[in-house]
Amino acid sequence: MRLFQRPRTSTAAFVVLLASTTFALTGCGQDAGTDSAENNAVENVQVTLPPSIKASHPYRCEDNSVVTIDFLSDDVSVNLRSEGTISQLKAPAPGEAFTDGKHTVAGDGATIELTRPGQEPQTCKM
């Protein structure tokens, strides 16, 4: 004689259980709270992505410090990375100097002119 016997379930009970579970879960994926007009308004919102990095160059300045300039794809923004800080500088138009009110970067080639707070402008080269 066995101490533990497995309970026997009939095939009909299994089919009823499966059908009731399927019926109970059929309404889970539906959201009755929004209509299609609300969904369309949300889907049609224009999203403007930030500019991507077009080029990134390290520069060594006259005081022997190193800065990295990330030139962004909008041609009016750069990221100035120096000593663990990142400053985003903007230019009024493409080709003009980039500034954030504290720092100024002029140029975008192998040589730039960098002005930092409390310091004279200095030339930095790649």
Protein backbone atom coordinates (compact mmCIF):
# COMPACT_ATOMS: atom_id res chain seq x y z
CA MET A 1 0.00 0.00 0.00
CA ARG A 2 1.28 3.45 -0.88
CA LEU A 3 1.42 6.18 1.70
CA PHE A 4 0.90 8.94 -0.84
CA GLN A 5 -1.36 8.49 -3.78
CA ARG A 6 -1.53 10.88 -6.68
CA PRO A 7 -5.02 12.31 -7.04
CA ARG A 8 -6.63 11.37 -10.31
CA THR A 9 -8.10 14.09 -12.44
CA SER A 10 -10.30 13.31 -15.33
CA THR A 11 -9.71 14.57 -18.82
CA ALA A 12 -13.02 16.43 -18.71
CA ALA A 13 -11.95 18.35 -15.59
CA PHE A 14 -8.68 19.29 -17.28
CA VAL A 15 -10.51 20.57 -20.39
CA VAL A 16 -12.89 22.64 -18.25
CA LEU A 17 -9.97 24.14 -16.32
CA LEU A 18 -8.11 24.99 -19.54
CA ALA A 19 -11.20 26.57 -21.12
CA SER A 20 -11.99 28.69 -18.07
CA THR A 21 -8.40 29.93 -17.82
CA THR A 22 -8.36 30.86 -21.50
CA PHE A 23 -11.71 32.65 -21.16
CA ALA A 24 -10.52 34.57 -18.09
CA LEU A 25 -7.36 35.80 -19.83
CA THR A 26 -8.97 36.97 -23.09
CA GLY A 27 -9.71 40.45 -21.73
CA CYS A 28 -6.30 41.08 -20.16
CA GLY A 29 -4.69 42.79 -23.15
CA GLN A 30 -7.47 45.30 -23.82
CA ASP A 31 -7.47 48.87 -22.50
CA ALA A 32 -10.92 50.41 -22.52
CA GLY A 33 -9.70 53.74 -21.13
CA THR A 34 -8.35 55.31 -24.35
CA ASP A 35 -9.93 55.83 -27.72
CA SER A 36 -8.21 55.96 -31.08
CA ALA A 37 -8.18 59.80 -31.20
CA GLU A 38 -6.12 59.92 -28.00
CA ASN A 39 -3.77 57.24 -29.33
CA ASN A 40 -3.26 59.10 -32.62
CA ALA A 41 -2.50 62.36 -30.81
CA VAL A 42 0.17 60.65 -28.72
CA GLU A 43 1.69 58.84 -31.69
CA ASN A 44 1.91 62.00 -33.85
CA VAL A 45 3.93 64.13 -31.43
CA GLN A 46 7.08 65.46 -33.09
CA VAL A 47 10.24 64.58 -31.21
CA THR A 48 13.45 66.53 -31.75
CA LEU A 49 16.56 64.56 -30.93
CA PRO A 50 19.68 66.28 -29.58
CA PRO A 51 22.51 66.74 -32.07
CA SER A 52 24.94 63.87 -32.40
CA ILE A 53 28.72 64.13 -32.05
CA LYS A 54 30.16 64.84 -35.50
CA ALA A 55 33.83 64.86 -34.42
CA SER A 56 35.77 64.70 -31.16
CA HIS A 57 39.36 65.97 -30.85
CA PRO A 58 41.81 66.32 -27.95
CA TYR A 59 43.82 69.56 -27.87
CA ARG A 60 46.96 70.45 -25.91
CA CYS A 61 47.02 74.09 -24.86
CA GLU A 62 49.93 76.48 -24.26
CA ASP A 63 49.68 75.96 -20.47
CA ASN A 64 50.17 72.20 -21.12
CA SER A 65 46.57 71.33 -20.19
CA VAL A 66 44.52 68.99 -22.35
CA VAL A 67 40.92 69.65 -23.39
CA THR A 68 38.63 67.61 -25.59
CA ILE A 69 36.14 69.30 -27.90
CA ASP A 70 33.10 67.39 -29.20
CA PHE A 71 31.81 69.11 -32.32
CA LEU A 72 28.07 68.45 -32.65
CA SER A 73 26.12 67.89 -35.86
CA ASP A 74 24.05 71.09 -35.60
CA ASP A 75 27.26 73.13 -36.28
CA VAL A 76 26.38 75.62 -33.52
CA SER A 77 27.15 73.49 -30.43
CA VAL A 78 30.27 71.96 -28.90
CA ASN A 79 30.98 70.11 -25.68
CA LEU A 80 34.13 71.30 -23.90
CA ARG A 81 35.55 68.55 -21.68
CA SER A 82 38.28 69.65 -19.31
CA GLU A 83 39.44 68.23 -15.96
CA GLY A 84 36.33 66.10 -15.47
CA THR A 85 33.79 68.81 -16.27
CA ILE A 86 31.67 69.13 -19.40
CA SER A 87 30.41 72.49 -20.63
CA GLN A 88 28.10 72.92 -23.60
CA LEU A 89 28.98 75.98 -25.65
CA LYS A 90 26.80 77.49 -28.38
CA ALA A 91 27.54 79.78 -31.32
CA PRO A 92 25.04 82.33 -32.64
CA ALA A 93 25.61 81.01 -36.19
CA PRO A 94 27.78 78.34 -37.86
CA GLY A 95 31.40 79.45 -38.17
CA GLU A 96 31.31 81.86 -35.22
CA ALA A 97 32.92 81.40 -31.78
CA PHE A 98 31.26 79.06 -29.29
CA THR A 99 30.56 80.39 -25.79
CA ASP A 100 28.61 79.65 -22.62
CA GLY A 101 29.32 82.99 -20.93
CA LYS A 102 32.38 81.60 -19.12
CA HIS A 103 34.38 79.75 -21.79
CA THR A 104 34.94 80.66 -25.42
CA VAL A 105 36.20 78.40 -28.19
CA ALA A 106 37.07 79.87 -31.59
CA GLY A 107 38.00 77.67 -34.53
CA ASP A 108 37.19 74.11 -35.44
CA GLY A 109 40.27 72.69 -37.10
CA ALA A 110 43.71 71.59 -35.98
CA THR A 111 44.10 74.77 -33.89
CA ILE A 112 41.57 76.47 -31.61
CA GLU A 113 41.70 79.50 -29.36
CA LEU A 114 40.36 78.79 -25.86
CA THR A 115 39.40 81.42 -23.30
CA ARG A 116 38.72 80.25 -19.74
CA PRO A 117 37.41 82.27 -16.78
CA GLY A 118 40.18 84.38 -15.23
CA GLN A 119 42.75 83.41 -17.88
CA GLU A 120 44.10 84.97 -21.03
CA PRO A 121 43.10 83.39 -24.37
CA GLN A 122 45.47 80.62 -25.39
CA THR A 123 46.08 78.57 -28.50
CA CYS A 124 45.46 74.83 -28.35
CA LYS A 125 46.60 72.32 -30.98
CA MET A 126 45.61 68.77 -31.86
